[in-house]
Structures are given as structure tokens and as C-alpha cells.
N, C-alpha and C. Protein backbone atom coordinates (compact mmCIF):
# COMPACT_ATOMS: atom_id res chain seq x y z
N MET A 1 58.04 181.79 102.16
CA MET A 1 58.75 183.07 102.38
C MET A 1 58.02 183.94 101.23
N THR A 2 57.79 185.12 102.05
CA THR A 2 57.29 186.33 101.22
C THR A 2 58.11 187.48 101.42
N ALA A 3 57.80 188.50 100.57
CA ALA A 3 58.67 189.76 100.67
C ALA A 3 58.44 190.31 102.18
N GLU A 4 57.11 190.16 102.53
CA GLU A 4 56.99 190.75 103.99
C GLU A 4 57.85 190.13 104.93
N ASP A 5 58.03 188.69 104.88
CA ASP A 5 59.04 187.95 105.76
C ASP A 5 60.35 188.61 105.81
N LEU A 6 60.81 188.82 104.54
CA LEU A 6 62.14 189.44 104.35
C LEU A 6 62.27 190.75 105.16
N LEU A 7 61.25 191.61 104.84
CA LEU A 7 61.25 192.97 105.57
C LEU A 7 61.14 192.85 107.09
N LYS A 8 60.44 191.76 107.65
CA LYS A 8 60.43 191.62 109.02
C LYS A 8 61.77 191.22 109.59
N LEU A 9 62.49 190.58 108.93
CA LEU A 9 63.81 190.07 109.45
C LEU A 9 64.74 191.49 109.66
N THR A 10 64.35 192.49 109.02
CA THR A 10 65.12 193.73 109.22
C THR A 10 64.55 194.64 110.23
N GLU A 11 63.25 194.35 110.67
CA GLU A 11 62.56 195.23 111.47
C GLU A 11 62.17 194.65 112.83
N TRP A 12 62.20 193.36 113.06
CA TRP A 12 61.81 192.65 114.15
C TRP A 12 63.12 192.57 115.05
N ARG A 13 62.98 192.58 116.27
CA ARG A 13 64.12 192.53 117.23
C ARG A 13 64.08 191.33 117.97
N MET A 14 65.20 190.53 118.33
CA MET A 14 65.15 189.30 119.02
C MET A 14 64.58 189.67 120.43
N PRO A 15 63.50 188.99 120.95
CA PRO A 15 62.67 189.35 122.06
C PRO A 15 63.36 188.68 123.36
N PHE A 16 64.37 187.81 123.29
CA PHE A 16 64.99 187.23 124.60
C PHE A 16 66.38 186.63 124.35
N GLY A 17 66.89 186.33 125.33
CA GLY A 17 68.23 185.71 125.09
C GLY A 17 69.37 186.64 125.00
N LYS A 18 70.72 185.99 124.72
CA LYS A 18 71.87 186.58 124.68
C LYS A 18 71.86 187.87 123.73
N TYR A 19 71.08 187.86 122.77
CA TYR A 19 71.13 188.79 121.56
C TYR A 19 69.74 189.57 121.58
N GLN A 20 69.01 189.57 122.89
CA GLN A 20 67.75 190.34 122.91
C GLN A 20 68.03 191.77 122.56
N GLY A 21 67.05 192.27 121.66
CA GLY A 21 67.20 193.65 121.24
C GLY A 21 67.81 193.72 119.76
N ARG A 22 68.42 192.85 119.45
CA ARG A 22 69.20 192.80 118.14
C ARG A 22 68.24 192.46 116.93
N PHE A 23 68.38 193.05 115.88
CA PHE A 23 67.44 192.62 114.72
C PHE A 23 67.76 191.33 114.33
N LEU A 24 66.69 190.61 113.83
CA LEU A 24 66.81 189.33 113.67
C LEU A 24 67.89 189.11 112.32
N ALA A 25 67.95 190.08 111.39
CA ALA A 25 69.00 190.06 110.16
C ALA A 25 70.25 190.19 110.65
N ASP A 26 70.66 190.63 111.96
CA ASP A 26 71.91 190.88 112.53
C ASP A 26 72.39 189.79 113.55
N LEU A 27 71.61 188.78 113.61
CA LEU A 27 72.01 187.66 114.63
C LEU A 27 73.12 186.81 113.93
N PRO A 28 74.19 186.40 114.65
CA PRO A 28 75.31 185.64 114.22
C PRO A 28 74.83 184.31 113.67
N GLY A 29 75.51 183.89 112.80
CA GLY A 29 75.32 182.61 112.22
C GLY A 29 75.41 181.44 113.20
N TYR A 30 76.25 181.41 113.93
CA TYR A 30 76.41 180.33 115.03
C TYR A 30 75.20 180.35 115.87
N TYR A 31 74.52 181.44 116.23
CA TYR A 31 73.44 181.46 117.19
C TYR A 31 72.25 180.86 116.36
N LEU A 32 72.05 181.27 115.00
CA LEU A 32 70.93 180.76 114.23
C LEU A 32 71.30 179.11 113.99
N ALA A 33 72.43 178.77 113.82
CA ALA A 33 72.70 177.32 113.66
C ALA A 33 72.32 176.48 115.01
N TRP A 34 72.58 177.36 116.25
CA TRP A 34 72.19 176.59 117.56
C TRP A 34 70.75 176.36 117.53
N PHE A 35 69.83 177.30 117.04
CA PHE A 35 68.39 177.22 117.06
C PHE A 35 68.19 176.03 116.12
N ALA A 36 68.83 175.90 115.06
CA ALA A 36 68.60 174.83 114.02
C ALA A 36 68.84 173.42 114.55
N ARG A 37 69.74 173.35 115.41
CA ARG A 37 70.01 172.14 116.08
C ARG A 37 69.03 171.80 117.18
N GLU A 38 68.75 172.78 117.93
CA GLU A 38 67.96 172.60 119.18
C GLU A 38 66.41 172.84 119.06
N GLY A 39 66.19 173.43 118.06
CA GLY A 39 64.79 173.72 117.63
C GLY A 39 64.40 175.15 117.68
N PHE A 40 63.66 175.56 116.65
CA PHE A 40 63.18 177.08 116.67
C PHE A 40 61.94 177.18 117.43
N PRO A 41 61.71 178.30 118.02
CA PRO A 41 60.47 178.50 118.82
C PRO A 41 59.32 178.39 117.88
N ASP A 42 58.28 178.40 118.52
CA ASP A 42 56.93 178.10 117.83
C ASP A 42 56.56 179.54 117.27
N GLY A 43 55.64 179.53 116.30
CA GLY A 43 54.95 180.65 115.97
C GLY A 43 55.83 181.39 114.78
N GLU A 44 55.54 182.61 114.53
CA GLU A 44 56.13 183.43 113.58
C GLU A 44 57.60 183.74 113.81
N LEU A 45 57.95 184.00 115.15
CA LEU A 45 59.35 184.18 115.45
C LEU A 45 60.22 182.95 114.99
N GLY A 46 59.71 181.85 115.20
CA GLY A 46 60.37 180.56 114.88
C GLY A 46 60.60 180.43 113.33
N HIS A 47 59.49 180.86 112.67
CA HIS A 47 59.61 180.79 111.20
C HIS A 47 60.59 181.80 110.58
N LEU A 48 60.71 182.98 111.13
CA LEU A 48 61.58 184.07 110.80
C LEU A 48 62.90 183.63 111.04
N LEU A 49 63.21 183.03 112.30
CA LEU A 49 64.65 182.68 112.63
C LEU A 49 65.04 181.39 111.66
N ALA A 50 64.05 180.66 111.30
CA ALA A 50 64.45 179.57 110.34
C ALA A 50 64.77 180.13 108.98
N LEU A 51 63.98 181.06 108.60
CA LEU A 51 64.41 181.73 107.35
C LEU A 51 65.75 182.42 107.44
N MET A 52 65.99 183.09 108.54
CA MET A 52 67.18 183.87 108.69
C MET A 52 68.30 182.78 108.61
N HIS A 53 68.22 181.69 109.21
CA HIS A 53 69.27 180.57 109.23
C HIS A 53 69.59 180.21 107.82
N GLU A 54 68.56 179.97 107.10
CA GLU A 54 68.77 179.59 105.59
C GLU A 54 69.42 180.58 104.85
N ILE A 55 68.94 181.95 105.05
CA ILE A 55 69.70 183.05 104.22
C ILE A 55 71.10 183.17 104.62
N ASP A 56 71.29 183.11 106.02
CA ASP A 56 72.76 183.22 106.42
C ASP A 56 73.67 181.95 105.88
N HIS A 57 73.02 180.83 106.06
CA HIS A 57 73.68 179.57 105.72
C HIS A 57 74.20 179.53 104.23
N ASN A 58 73.36 180.00 103.26
CA ASN A 58 73.50 180.19 101.96
C ASN A 58 74.29 181.42 101.52
N GLY A 59 74.76 182.25 102.43
CA GLY A 59 75.55 183.38 101.99
C GLY A 59 74.79 184.42 101.34
N LEU A 60 73.50 184.58 101.69
CA LEU A 60 72.52 185.60 100.92
C LEU A 60 72.34 186.56 101.84
N SER A 61 72.88 186.94 103.02
CA SER A 61 72.55 188.09 103.78
C SER A 61 72.60 189.38 103.17
N GLU A 62 73.41 189.54 102.21
CA GLU A 62 73.55 190.90 101.37
C GLU A 62 72.13 191.23 100.72
N LEU A 63 71.26 190.31 100.49
CA LEU A 63 69.97 190.48 99.85
C LEU A 63 69.06 191.27 100.75
N LEU A 64 69.47 191.45 102.12
CA LEU A 64 68.49 192.13 102.98
C LEU A 64 69.03 193.56 103.18
N LYS A 65 70.12 193.95 102.63
CA LYS A 65 70.65 195.39 102.90
C LYS A 65 69.76 196.42 102.21
N PRO A 66 68.99 196.23 101.07
CA PRO A 66 68.24 197.33 100.51
C PRO A 66 66.96 197.48 101.34
N LEU A 67 66.57 196.43 102.15
CA LEU A 67 65.39 196.46 102.92
C LEU A 67 65.58 197.14 104.30
N ARG A 68 66.80 197.40 104.72
CA ARG A 68 67.12 198.05 106.00
C ARG A 68 66.71 199.46 106.09
N ARG A 69 65.98 199.97 106.99
CA ARG A 69 65.73 201.29 107.24
C ARG A 69 66.92 202.06 107.91
N ARG A 70 67.10 203.39 107.49
CA ARG A 70 68.21 204.12 108.04
C ARG A 70 67.64 204.84 109.16
């Protein structure tokens, strides 16, 4: 995990599925948990979703608030 990864969570949008277009940092915990059970996609998107799952699971989502652009 890098500072750049954390910033990407607030800037990248989900490219597919039920939550297409939503920022990765705004994905619901149950959706992230589903990926954790079923498998994250390959590549950078999968890495970021796994990171967001860990952040959400550990109750650390508030740490991303200062990184959000207005």
C-alpha cells in the first residue's frame, strides 16, 4: 500500500457491475466482502478493491476523507 493507492481509492470509479460509476472509496462493505469471498479481479483494480476491503473491514474509512476532492 502506498499513499498513491489511497488517493486512487478516492479518484477511481468502479468500471462495471451494480455499482458502476461509484468511487471505490464509496463501495458498500458487503460488496467488498463479496469480492473477498469470490475473488478480486486481476490487476490494479483488484489490488485497490482488496485494499478498500481491508480499510472498510477495519473501520478505517474515515482516513480517506482528507483525500477526497471537492
